[in-house]
N, C-alpha and C. Protein backbone atom coordinates (compact mmCIF):
# COMPACT_ATOMS: atom_id res chain seq x y z
N MET A 1 -23.66 14.91 12.46
CA MET A 1 -23.77 13.47 12.04
C MET A 1 -24.38 12.72 13.08
N GLU A 2 -25.29 11.98 12.74
CA GLU A 2 -26.00 11.14 13.76
C GLU A 2 -25.03 9.95 14.34
N GLY A 3 -25.35 9.46 15.35
CA GLY A 3 -24.48 8.42 15.96
C GLY A 3 -24.91 7.11 15.30
N GLU A 4 -24.89 7.09 14.06
CA GLU A 4 -25.25 5.81 13.33
C GLU A 4 -24.09 5.01 13.27
N ARG A 5 -24.22 3.66 13.16
CA ARG A 5 -23.11 2.78 12.99
C ARG A 5 -22.73 2.55 11.56
N ARG A 6 -21.64 2.75 11.12
CA ARG A 6 -21.28 2.59 9.83
C ARG A 6 -20.29 1.38 9.78
N ARG A 7 -20.71 0.41 8.91
CA ARG A 7 -19.78 -0.79 8.83
C ARG A 7 -19.38 -1.00 7.33
N TRP A 8 -18.03 -0.91 7.28
CA TRP A 8 -17.49 -1.06 5.91
C TRP A 8 -17.08 -2.42 5.73
N ARG A 9 -17.50 -2.95 4.66
CA ARG A 9 -17.01 -4.28 4.26
C ARG A 9 -16.43 -4.25 2.90
N ARG A 10 -15.38 -4.98 2.66
CA ARG A 10 -14.71 -5.01 1.34
C ARG A 10 -15.24 -6.09 0.55
N ARG A 11 -15.82 -5.75 -0.53
CA ARG A 11 -16.39 -6.81 -1.46
C ARG A 11 -15.80 -6.73 -2.77
N GLY A 12 -14.73 -7.37 -3.03
CA GLY A 12 -14.01 -7.30 -4.28
C GLY A 12 -13.95 -6.03 -5.09
N GLY A 13 -13.45 -5.01 -4.43
CA GLY A 13 -13.29 -3.80 -5.12
C GLY A 13 -14.56 -2.81 -4.85
N GLU A 14 -15.32 -3.22 -3.87
CA GLU A 14 -16.45 -2.46 -3.58
C GLU A 14 -16.61 -2.38 -2.10
N GLU A 15 -16.96 -1.27 -1.50
CA GLU A 15 -17.15 -1.17 -0.13
C GLU A 15 -18.55 -0.70 0.14
N LYS A 16 -19.19 -1.24 1.08
CA LYS A 16 -20.52 -0.85 1.39
C LYS A 16 -20.72 -0.23 2.78
N MET A 17 -21.34 0.85 2.95
CA MET A 17 -21.43 1.44 4.13
C MET A 17 -22.82 1.34 4.61
N GLU A 18 -23.11 0.89 5.93
CA GLU A 18 -24.41 0.75 6.40
C GLU A 18 -24.98 2.13 6.52
N GLY A 19 -26.19 2.36 6.02
CA GLY A 19 -26.73 3.67 6.15
C GLY A 19 -26.69 4.30 4.84
N GLU A 20 -25.37 4.60 4.34
CA GLU A 20 -25.37 5.02 2.99
C GLU A 20 -24.43 4.06 2.22
N ARG A 21 -24.72 3.94 0.96
CA ARG A 21 -23.92 3.01 0.12
C ARG A 21 -22.87 3.75 -0.61
N SER A 22 -21.68 3.32 -0.33
CA SER A 22 -20.52 4.00 -1.01
C SER A 22 -19.93 2.96 -1.85
N ARG A 23 -19.64 3.18 -3.13
CA ARG A 23 -19.05 2.22 -3.97
C ARG A 23 -17.70 2.63 -4.51
N TRP A 24 -16.71 1.92 -4.10
CA TRP A 24 -15.29 2.31 -4.52
C TRP A 24 -14.99 1.38 -5.61
N ARG A 25 -14.59 1.85 -6.74
CA ARG A 25 -14.24 0.95 -7.92
C ARG A 25 -12.78 1.12 -8.27
N GLY A 26 -12.07 0.12 -8.59
CA GLY A 26 -10.64 0.22 -8.98
C GLY A 26 -9.80 1.09 -8.12
N ARG A 27 -9.57 0.83 -6.95
CA ARG A 27 -8.80 1.68 -6.14
C ARG A 27 -7.29 1.56 -6.38
N GLY A 28 -7.00 0.43 -7.04
CA GLY A 28 -5.59 0.33 -7.50
C GLY A 28 -4.70 0.16 -6.38
N GLY A 29 -5.07 -0.38 -5.25
CA GLY A 29 -4.15 -0.65 -4.14
C GLY A 29 -4.93 -0.92 -2.87
N GLU A 30 -4.22 -1.29 -1.93
CA GLU A 30 -4.86 -1.61 -0.56
C GLU A 30 -5.13 -0.34 0.04
N GLU A 31 -6.16 -0.14 0.77
CA GLU A 31 -6.45 1.11 1.40
C GLU A 31 -6.45 0.82 2.96
N GLU A 32 -5.98 1.77 3.67
CA GLU A 32 -6.15 1.58 5.10
C GLU A 32 -7.04 2.71 5.56
N MET A 33 -8.04 2.29 6.28
CA MET A 33 -8.94 3.22 6.63
C MET A 33 -8.93 3.26 8.09
N GLU A 34 -8.71 4.48 8.74
CA GLU A 34 -8.68 4.69 10.19
C GLU A 34 -10.17 4.57 10.55
N GLY A 35 -10.67 3.31 10.66
CA GLY A 35 -12.00 3.16 10.92
C GLY A 35 -12.61 1.93 10.26
N GLU A 36 -11.94 1.34 9.40
CA GLU A 36 -12.44 0.08 8.80
C GLU A 36 -11.96 -1.03 9.66
N ARG A 37 -10.87 -1.50 9.51
CA ARG A 37 -10.48 -2.66 10.39
C ARG A 37 -10.38 -2.19 11.76
N ARG A 38 -10.05 -0.89 11.84
CA ARG A 38 -10.04 -0.36 13.27
C ARG A 38 -11.21 0.25 13.75
N ARG A 39 -12.43 -0.26 13.43
CA ARG A 39 -13.61 0.34 13.70
C ARG A 39 -14.15 1.31 12.72
N GLY A 40 -15.06 0.91 11.91
CA GLY A 40 -15.61 1.91 10.94
C GLY A 40 -16.93 2.44 11.50
N VAL A 41 -16.72 2.99 12.67
CA VAL A 41 -17.95 3.59 13.29
C VAL A 41 -17.82 5.05 13.60
N ASP A 42 -18.99 5.68 13.49
CA ASP A 42 -19.08 7.10 13.79
C ASP A 42 -19.81 7.08 15.05
N GLU A 43 -19.24 7.26 16.24
CA GLU A 43 -19.99 7.19 17.48
C GLU A 43 -20.28 8.56 17.94
N GLY A 44 -21.61 8.70 18.43
CA GLY A 44 -21.90 9.97 19.13
C GLY A 44 -21.68 11.16 18.41
N GLY A 45 -21.78 11.08 16.96
CA GLY A 45 -21.64 12.32 16.23
C GLY A 45 -20.24 12.70 16.09
N GLU A 46 -19.29 11.99 16.47
CA GLU A 46 -17.88 12.44 16.51
C GLU A 46 -17.44 12.27 15.02
N LYS A 47 -16.55 13.25 14.72
CA LYS A 47 -16.00 13.06 13.39
C LYS A 47 -14.91 12.02 13.27
N VAL A 48 -15.01 11.20 12.30
CA VAL A 48 -14.02 10.09 12.22
C VAL A 48 -13.05 10.48 11.12
N ARG A 49 -11.87 10.37 11.27
CA ARG A 49 -10.88 10.63 10.31
C ARG A 49 -10.43 9.36 9.53
N ARG A 50 -10.75 9.19 8.36
CA ARG A 50 -10.27 7.99 7.58
C ARG A 50 -9.18 8.30 6.73
N ARG A 51 -8.14 7.62 6.62
CA ARG A 51 -7.03 7.99 5.71
C ARG A 51 -6.99 6.90 4.63
N TRP A 52 -7.09 7.24 3.34
CA TRP A 52 -7.07 6.36 2.35
C TRP A 52 -5.69 6.34 1.61
N ARG A 53 -5.21 5.12 1.50
CA ARG A 53 -3.92 5.06 0.81
C ARG A 53 -3.96 4.26 -0.55
N GLY A 54 -3.14 4.58 -1.39
CA GLY A 54 -3.05 3.73 -2.69
C GLY A 54 -3.96 4.41 -3.64
N ARG A 55 -4.38 5.64 -3.46
CA ARG A 55 -5.27 6.31 -4.47
C ARG A 55 -4.50 7.63 -4.97
N GLY A 56 -3.39 7.45 -5.51
CA GLY A 56 -2.70 8.67 -6.02
C GLY A 56 -2.34 9.55 -4.90
N GLY A 57 -2.00 8.96 -3.87
CA GLY A 57 -1.72 9.91 -2.65
C GLY A 57 -2.50 9.44 -1.36
N GLU A 58 -2.81 10.47 -0.60
CA GLU A 58 -3.54 10.31 0.63
C GLU A 58 -4.83 10.99 0.58
N GLU A 59 -5.86 10.38 1.02
CA GLU A 59 -7.11 11.29 1.06
C GLU A 59 -7.60 11.18 2.54
N GLU A 60 -8.14 12.34 3.06
CA GLU A 60 -8.66 12.34 4.41
C GLU A 60 -10.14 12.64 4.34
N MET A 61 -10.76 11.75 5.02
CA MET A 61 -12.26 11.95 5.04
C MET A 61 -12.66 12.33 6.43
N GLU A 62 -13.24 13.52 6.60
CA GLU A 62 -13.67 13.85 7.96
C GLU A 62 -15.14 13.83 7.98
N GLY A 63 -15.63 12.85 8.62
CA GLY A 63 -17.20 12.69 8.71
C GLY A 63 -17.65 12.45 7.30
N LYS A 64 -18.33 13.41 6.74
CA LYS A 64 -18.87 13.29 5.42
C LYS A 64 -18.22 14.04 4.28
N ARG A 65 -17.11 14.69 4.79
CA ARG A 65 -16.36 15.51 3.77
C ARG A 65 -15.03 14.87 3.37
N ARG A 66 -14.69 14.90 2.10
CA ARG A 66 -13.51 14.24 1.62
C ARG A 66 -12.63 15.21 0.75
N ARG A 67 -11.38 15.26 1.08
CA ARG A 67 -10.45 16.19 0.31
C ARG A 67 -9.56 15.21 -0.33
N GLY A 68 -9.54 15.15 -1.52
CA GLY A 68 -8.52 14.33 -2.35
C GLY A 68 -7.55 15.00 -2.93
N GLY A 69 -6.63 14.28 -3.66
CA GLY A 69 -5.47 14.93 -4.25
C GLY A 69 -5.85 15.99 -5.23
N ASP A 70 -7.15 15.87 -5.72
CA ASP A 70 -7.57 16.95 -6.69
C ASP A 70 -7.96 18.25 -5.79
N GLY A 71 -7.96 18.08 -4.48
CA GLY A 71 -8.43 19.32 -3.70
C GLY A 71 -9.80 19.66 -3.78
N GLY A 72 -10.65 18.70 -4.07
CA GLY A 72 -12.11 19.03 -4.18
C GLY A 72 -12.77 18.28 -3.02
N GLU A 73 -14.01 18.82 -2.83
CA GLU A 73 -14.89 18.24 -1.83
C GLU A 73 -16.12 17.64 -2.42
N GLU A 74 -16.40 16.41 -2.06
CA GLU A 74 -17.53 15.83 -2.67
C GLU A 74 -18.74 15.90 -1.59
N GLU A 75 -19.83 15.58 -2.20
CA GLU A 75 -21.12 15.73 -1.41
C GLU A 75 -21.19 14.48 -0.40
N GLU A 76 -22.05 14.48 0.49
CA GLU A 76 -22.17 13.50 1.45
C GLU A 76 -22.45 12.11 0.85
N ARG A 77 -23.06 12.18 -0.33
CA ARG A 77 -23.18 11.01 -1.14
C ARG A 77 -21.90 10.68 -1.91
N ARG A 78 -21.01 10.01 -1.25
CA ARG A 78 -19.62 9.82 -1.80
C ARG A 78 -19.72 8.87 -2.95
N ARG A 79 -19.80 9.30 -4.18
CA ARG A 79 -19.82 8.40 -5.30
C ARG A 79 -18.66 8.96 -6.21
N TRP A 80 -17.55 8.29 -6.07
CA TRP A 80 -16.40 8.77 -7.07
C TRP A 80 -16.24 7.64 -8.08
N ARG A 81 -16.17 8.07 -9.31
CA ARG A 81 -16.00 7.01 -10.42
C ARG A 81 -14.81 7.33 -11.27
N GLY A 82 -13.93 6.44 -11.33
CA GLY A 82 -12.81 6.55 -12.25
C GLY A 82 -12.17 7.92 -12.35
N ARG A 83 -11.75 8.53 -11.28
CA ARG A 83 -11.14 9.81 -11.30
C ARG A 83 -9.75 9.59 -11.55
N GLY A 84 -9.17 9.85 -12.68
CA GLY A 84 -7.85 9.67 -13.10
C GLY A 84 -7.47 8.30 -12.98
N GLY A 85 -8.41 7.36 -13.08
CA GLY A 85 -8.13 5.93 -13.08
C GLY A 85 -7.75 5.39 -11.73
N GLU A 86 -7.89 6.23 -10.72
CA GLU A 86 -7.59 5.76 -9.42
C GLU A 86 -8.74 5.35 -8.53
N GLU A 87 -9.80 6.12 -8.57
CA GLU A 87 -10.86 5.88 -7.67
C GLU A 87 -11.90 5.01 -8.45
């Protein structure tokens, strides 16, 4: 992963990531991201672990991979839409 700066901003149910756009819809709860309010940056190619809460459990995102409650991995273009009405 390049040492690009990723900035997550919350926009009424939508988060934008600088560099890649990720759109989160209807998360049904407040999410805590180890990396959003506490720095949503991936520095020097280090893998950042982000923990999402309030989406039917916890999800861990390592760098560009994400393992959700469904146990699946999504592509680096993280676009999840209405998965079980949570994401």
